[in-house]
Amino acid sequence: MTATATAPARAPHGDTESTVLYDIPGPRARRRHFLYGILSTVLLLALLGWILYLLFSTEQFTAEKWSPFTYEGIQELVLRGLGNTLKAFAYASVLSLLLGGVLATGRLSVHRPVRWLATVCVEFFRAMPVLVMIFFIFVALKVQPLPALVAGLTLYNGSVLAEVFRTGINAVERGQREAAYALGMRKTQVMSYVLAPQAVRAMLPTIISQLVVALKDTSLGYLITYEEFLHAGKLIASNLDYDLPFIPVVMIISPIYIGMCMLLSWFATWVAKRQRRSPKTDAGHVAPPEPRPVLPGQS
């Protein structure tokens, strides 16, 4: 059977040319898009100019407001807060991935009680606000700030990642699983060598996105007196006699948070590219299995 090419159909007014899959903008549509682009750029520049005007008019760039950051003690406070944020994020991310894997395994279990228990845990911790869990662990259970923050982040993000893992595993074509069982592989082997490697590519962007959420949620630690990055900025802005340099603190802390989130996204892209180039994950480089005897003693 041969495929036939379909000629593009012209719109009634000559504004666009249509194909089967998409519409090609015509001259008038391109002019409109160009005007929309210019208008959007002008509006964004106007908004940026208005923000800069407000910052200069309220004297946010004066040396008096920025002078605290030249002192060694303030710099150490900021760096210590950043280190505590990264420490909490490292603990929470690793534990969330482990908890997500355990809960996902439970939800995929063939044993009904195990599956029900895992489902209840996932649905409960997903529905519970993360701040409530952190406060409950900190106040009711009288846990130290860092373990309370890590535990709350782990329970919430781990339950979300469990659904990501379960969805990714179930998204693999059913024939892959049946073929693996037909070759005599056990369930753990099928999961480890067949399903999980294929699901990683699809799950990776969502996993990184959830880790970005965990990174940003570490800022909730300042509510339970954990000395993380936001807590350090709050101390500088409120407890020092420098005319409350709140805006400079925000202008320093916000780009660092944004930079760390962008770094995580870049890392996800880098890992995805390496997976596509890796012979172990390239279907075109996988060696075919050796023929196995059908009957005992057959060679």
Protein backbone atom coordinates (compact mmCIF):
# COMPACT_ATOMS: atom_id res chain seq x y z
CA MET A 1 0.00 0.00 0.00
CA THR A 2 1.50 3.36 -1.00
CA ALA A 3 0.97 6.70 0.68
CA THR A 4 -0.42 9.56 -1.37
CA ALA A 5 0.62 13.16 -0.83
CA THR A 6 -2.11 15.62 0.01
CA ALA A 7 -1.83 19.08 -1.46
CA PRO A 8 -2.28 21.92 0.98
CA ALA A 9 -5.70 23.55 0.89
CA ARG A 10 -5.91 27.35 0.73
CA ALA A 11 -8.17 29.20 3.14
CA PRO A 12 -11.18 31.02 1.67
CA HIS A 13 -9.77 34.52 2.27
CA GLY A 14 -6.18 33.71 1.34
CA ASP A 15 -5.00 34.44 4.88
CA THR A 16 -3.48 31.05 5.62
CA GLU A 17 -2.56 27.87 3.84
CA SER A 18 -3.76 24.69 5.55
CA THR A 19 -2.23 21.26 5.52
CA VAL A 20 -3.48 18.06 7.07
CA LEU A 21 -1.46 18.62 10.25
CA TYR A 22 -1.10 22.38 10.71
CA ASP A 23 -1.98 25.80 9.32
CA ILE A 24 0.72 27.91 7.71
CA PRO A 25 0.15 31.60 8.57
CA GLY A 26 -0.37 33.86 5.61
CA PRO A 27 0.88 37.43 5.13
CA ARG A 28 -1.87 39.05 7.21
CA ALA A 29 -1.50 36.52 10.03
CA ARG A 30 2.29 37.05 10.08
CA ARG A 31 1.76 40.80 10.29
CA ARG A 32 -0.63 40.32 13.22
CA HIS A 33 1.81 38.04 15.00
CA PHE A 34 4.58 40.60 14.45
CA LEU A 35 2.43 43.37 15.93
CA TYR A 36 1.47 41.16 18.88
CA GLY A 37 5.16 40.47 19.51
CA ILE A 38 6.03 44.18 19.44
CA LEU A 39 3.11 45.01 21.74
CA SER A 40 4.09 42.28 24.23
CA THR A 41 7.71 43.45 24.24
CA VAL A 42 6.66 47.04 24.85
CA LEU A 43 4.40 46.01 27.73
CA LEU A 44 7.14 43.89 29.34
CA LEU A 45 9.67 46.72 29.02
CA ALA A 46 7.13 49.15 30.49
CA LEU A 47 6.53 46.82 33.44
CA LEU A 48 10.26 46.40 33.99
CA GLY A 49 10.75 50.17 33.82
CA TRP A 50 7.95 50.74 36.33
CA ILE A 51 9.50 48.23 38.75
CA LEU A 52 12.91 49.86 38.43
CA TYR A 53 11.33 53.28 38.97
CA LEU A 54 9.70 52.08 42.18
CA LEU A 55 12.98 50.57 43.40
CA PHE A 56 14.95 53.76 42.71
CA SER A 57 12.22 56.04 44.08
CA THR A 58 12.15 54.11 47.37
CA GLU A 59 15.97 54.24 47.57
CA GLN A 60 16.45 50.47 47.44
CA PHE A 61 19.85 50.78 45.74
CA THR A 62 21.45 53.11 48.25
CA ALA A 63 24.74 52.07 49.84
CA GLU A 64 23.15 52.12 53.29
CA LYS A 65 20.77 49.27 52.42
CA TRP A 66 23.45 47.16 50.71
CA SER A 67 26.23 47.78 53.23
CA PRO A 68 25.26 44.83 55.52
CA PHE A 69 26.35 42.37 52.83
CA THR A 70 29.91 43.68 52.92
CA TYR A 71 30.45 42.44 56.48
CA GLU A 72 31.99 39.04 57.00
CA GLY A 73 29.46 38.03 59.67
CA ILE A 74 26.52 38.67 57.32
CA GLN A 75 28.21 36.74 54.51
CA GLU A 76 28.81 33.79 56.83
CA LEU A 77 25.16 33.92 57.93
CA VAL A 78 23.96 33.80 54.32
CA LEU A 79 26.34 30.98 53.37
CA ARG A 80 25.40 28.98 56.46
CA GLY A 81 21.72 29.37 55.60
CA LEU A 82 22.39 28.25 52.03
CA GLY A 83 24.30 25.22 53.29
CA ASN A 84 21.47 24.28 55.65
CA THR A 85 18.98 24.58 52.78
CA LEU A 86 21.06 22.27 50.59
CA LYS A 87 21.47 19.84 53.49
CA ALA A 88 17.72 19.62 54.09
CA PHE A 89 17.08 19.27 50.36
CA ALA A 90 19.67 16.49 50.00
CA TYR A 91 18.15 14.48 52.85
CA ALA A 92 14.57 15.08 51.70
CA SER A 93 15.23 14.26 48.04
CA VAL A 94 17.01 10.98 48.73
CA LEU A 95 14.46 9.85 51.31
CA SER A 96 11.55 10.94 49.07
CA LEU A 97 12.87 8.84 46.20
CA LEU A 98 13.29 5.84 48.49
CA LEU A 99 9.85 6.26 50.05
CA GLY A 100 8.29 6.79 46.63
CA GLY A 101 9.86 3.57 45.38
CA VAL A 102 8.62 1.61 48.39
CA LEU A 103 5.07 2.98 48.15
CA ALA A 104 4.97 2.47 44.39
CA THR A 105 6.08 -1.14 44.84
CA GLY A 106 3.33 -1.58 47.39
CA ARG A 107 0.72 -0.13 45.06
CA LEU A 108 1.86 -2.48 42.29
CA SER A 109 1.85 -5.51 44.58
CA VAL A 110 -0.35 -8.49 43.75
CA HIS A 111 -1.19 -8.86 47.45
CA ARG A 112 -4.36 -6.93 48.16
CA PRO A 113 -3.61 -5.92 51.81
CA VAL A 114 -0.22 -4.54 50.83
CA ARG A 115 -1.74 -2.67 47.91
CA TRP A 116 -4.51 -1.20 50.07
CA LEU A 117 -2.10 -0.10 52.81
CA ALA A 118 0.18 1.60 50.28
CA THR A 119 -2.80 3.30 48.65
CA VAL A 120 -4.05 4.68 51.99
CA CYS A 121 -0.58 6.05 52.82
CA VAL A 122 -0.17 7.68 49.42
CA GLU A 123 -3.60 9.29 49.38
CA PHE A 124 -3.34 10.49 52.99
CA PHE A 125 0.07 12.14 52.70
CA ARG A 126 -0.74 13.62 49.29
CA ALA A 127 -3.88 15.27 50.67
CA MET A 128 -2.23 16.53 53.86
CA PRO A 129 -0.67 20.04 53.55
CA VAL A 130 3.09 19.79 53.92
CA LEU A 131 3.20 22.68 56.40
CA VAL A 132 0.70 20.92 58.67
CA MET A 133 2.83 17.76 58.66
CA ILE A 134 5.99 19.74 59.46
CA PHE A 135 4.28 21.55 62.36
CA PHE A 136 2.75 18.33 63.70
CA ILE A 137 6.09 16.54 63.72
CA PHE A 138 7.86 19.55 65.23
CA VAL A 139 5.30 20.48 67.89
CA ALA A 140 3.37 17.31 68.73
CA LEU A 141 6.24 14.83 68.40
CA LYS A 142 8.84 17.33 69.70
CA VAL A 143 11.35 16.61 66.95
CA GLN A 144 14.30 18.88 66.20
CA PRO A 145 13.82 21.41 63.33
CA LEU A 146 15.95 19.65 60.70
CA PRO A 147 14.44 16.14 61.16
CA ALA A 148 10.95 17.65 61.35
CA LEU A 149 11.44 19.55 58.11
CA VAL A 150 12.98 16.56 56.32
CA ALA A 151 10.26 14.21 57.57
CA GLY A 152 7.44 16.47 56.40
CA LEU A 153 9.03 16.98 52.98
CA THR A 154 9.74 13.26 52.65
CA LEU A 155 6.20 12.16 53.47
CA TYR A 156 4.61 14.59 51.02
CA ASN A 157 7.04 14.37 48.12
CA GLY A 158 7.51 10.63 48.57
CA SER A 159 3.78 10.02 48.21
CA VAL A 160 3.66 12.17 45.08
CA LEU A 161 6.69 10.40 43.59
CA ALA A 162 5.05 7.05 44.34
CA GLU A 163 2.26 7.95 41.92
CA VAL A 164 4.83 9.13 39.38
CA PHE A 165 6.68 5.80 39.61
CA ARG A 166 3.49 3.74 39.44
CA THR A 167 2.21 5.67 36.42
CA GLY A 168 5.55 5.38 34.65
CA ILE A 169 5.74 1.62 35.19
CA ASN A 170 2.16 1.10 34.02
CA ALA A 171 2.85 3.22 30.93
CA VAL A 172 5.32 0.66 29.59
CA GLU A 173 3.76 -1.47 26.90
CA ARG A 174 2.16 -4.60 28.32
CA GLY A 175 3.83 -6.76 25.71
CA GLN A 176 7.23 -6.00 27.23
CA ARG A 177 6.12 -7.51 30.53
CA GLU A 178 4.51 -10.55 28.94
CA ALA A 179 7.58 -11.22 26.81
CA ALA A 180 9.83 -11.06 29.87
CA TYR A 181 7.62 -13.51 31.77
CA ALA A 182 7.61 -15.79 28.74
CA LEU A 183 11.41 -15.91 28.88
CA GLY A 184 11.20 -17.21 32.45
CA MET A 185 12.15 -14.00 34.27
CA ARG A 186 10.90 -13.44 37.81
CA LYS A 187 8.82 -10.46 38.84
CA THR A 188 11.75 -8.64 40.44
CA GLN A 189 13.85 -9.21 37.32
CA VAL A 190 11.06 -7.96 35.09
CA MET A 191 10.74 -4.82 37.20
CA SER A 192 14.50 -4.20 37.49
CA TYR A 193 15.68 -5.05 33.99
CA VAL A 194 12.67 -4.48 31.74
CA LEU A 195 10.08 -2.08 33.13
CA ALA A 196 12.06 0.37 35.28
CA PRO A 197 14.77 1.23 32.69
CA GLN A 198 12.14 1.99 30.04
CA ALA A 199 10.02 4.05 32.44
CA VAL A 200 12.92 6.20 33.67
CA ARG A 201 12.97 8.35 30.53
CA ALA A 202 9.29 9.20 30.79
CA MET A 203 9.42 9.75 34.55
CA LEU A 204 12.60 11.83 34.72
CA PRO A 205 11.10 15.29 33.91
CA THR A 206 8.31 14.80 36.43
CA ILE A 207 10.74 13.54 39.08
CA ILE A 208 12.96 16.59 38.64
CA SER A 209 9.92 18.88 38.78
CA GLN A 210 8.88 17.33 42.09
CA LEU A 211 12.42 17.71 43.45
CA VAL A 212 12.27 21.39 42.51
CA VAL A 213 9.09 21.61 44.62
CA ALA A 214 10.95 19.96 47.51
CA LEU A 215 13.79 22.47 47.13
CA LYS A 216 11.43 25.42 47.30
CA ASP A 217 9.51 23.91 50.23
CA THR A 218 12.69 23.86 52.33
CA SER A 219 11.94 27.56 52.88
CA LEU A 220 9.13 26.44 55.22
CA GLY A 221 11.85 25.57 57.71
CA TYR A 222 12.08 29.16 58.91
CA LEU A 223 8.60 28.77 60.46
CA ILE A 224 10.00 26.14 62.85
CA THR A 225 13.21 28.12 63.52
CA TYR A 226 15.38 26.03 61.22
CA GLU A 227 18.25 28.27 60.12
CA GLU A 228 17.92 27.79 56.37
CA PHE A 229 18.45 30.32 53.57
CA LEU A 230 15.18 32.23 53.97
CA HIS A 231 15.62 32.31 57.75
CA ALA A 232 19.03 33.93 57.30
CA GLY A 233 17.54 36.56 55.00
CA LYS A 234 14.77 37.24 57.51
CA LEU A 235 17.35 37.82 60.25
CA ILE A 236 19.24 40.29 58.07
CA ALA A 237 16.09 42.16 57.04
CA SER A 238 14.42 42.41 60.45
CA ASN A 239 16.97 42.15 63.24
CA LEU A 240 19.69 44.53 62.06
CA ASP A 241 19.64 48.31 62.37
CA TYR A 242 20.13 49.09 58.67
CA ASP A 243 16.76 50.65 57.85
CA LEU A 244 15.21 47.24 57.08
CA PRO A 245 17.00 46.19 53.85
CA PHE A 246 14.15 43.85 52.88
CA ILE A 247 14.20 44.41 49.11
CA PRO A 248 18.00 43.90 48.79
CA VAL A 249 17.67 40.64 50.70
CA VAL A 250 14.94 39.48 48.31
CA MET A 251 17.06 40.54 45.33
CA ILE A 252 19.91 38.35 46.60
CA ILE A 253 17.95 35.31 47.81
CA SER A 254 15.50 35.00 44.89
CA PRO A 255 18.09 34.65 42.09
CA ILE A 256 19.91 31.99 44.09
CA TYR A 257 16.70 29.96 44.53
CA ILE A 258 15.92 30.39 40.82
CA GLY A 259 19.47 29.40 39.90
CA MET A 260 19.31 26.20 41.95
CA CYS A 261 15.98 25.23 40.34
CA MET A 262 17.39 25.92 36.87
CA LEU A 263 20.45 23.83 37.74
CA LEU A 264 18.18 20.89 38.60
CA SER A 265 16.34 21.30 35.29
CA TRP A 266 19.65 21.43 33.40
CA PHE A 267 20.78 18.28 35.20
CA ALA A 268 17.58 16.49 34.12
CA THR A 269 18.18 17.52 30.50
CA TRP A 270 21.80 16.36 30.68
CA VAL A 271 20.82 12.96 32.09
CA ALA A 272 18.13 12.53 29.43
CA LYS A 273 20.64 13.25 26.66
CA ARG A 274 23.12 10.78 28.10
CA GLN A 275 20.40 8.13 28.25
CA ARG A 276 19.58 8.68 24.59
CA ARG A 277 23.26 8.32 23.65
CA SER A 278 23.91 5.33 25.91
CA PRO A 279 24.12 1.96 24.08
CA LYS A 280 22.41 0.31 27.07
CA THR A 281 19.25 2.33 26.50
CA ASP A 282 19.39 2.51 22.72
CA ALA A 283 17.10 -0.07 21.23
CA GLY A 284 19.15 -0.11 18.05
CA HIS A 285 22.24 -1.34 19.90
CA VAL A 286 20.65 -4.04 22.01
CA ALA A 287 21.97 -7.44 20.99
CA PRO A 288 19.29 -10.03 20.19
CA PRO A 289 18.97 -12.83 22.72
CA GLU A 290 20.70 -16.08 21.96
CA PRO A 291 18.36 -18.87 20.77
CA ARG A 292 17.39 -21.21 23.56
CA PRO A 293 16.56 -24.93 23.16
CA VAL A 294 12.88 -25.72 22.98
CA LEU A 295 13.15 -29.31 24.29
CA PRO A 296 15.37 -30.64 27.09
CA GLY A 297 18.70 -31.85 25.74
CA GLN A 298 18.19 -30.09 22.37
CA SER A 299 21.23 -28.12 21.18
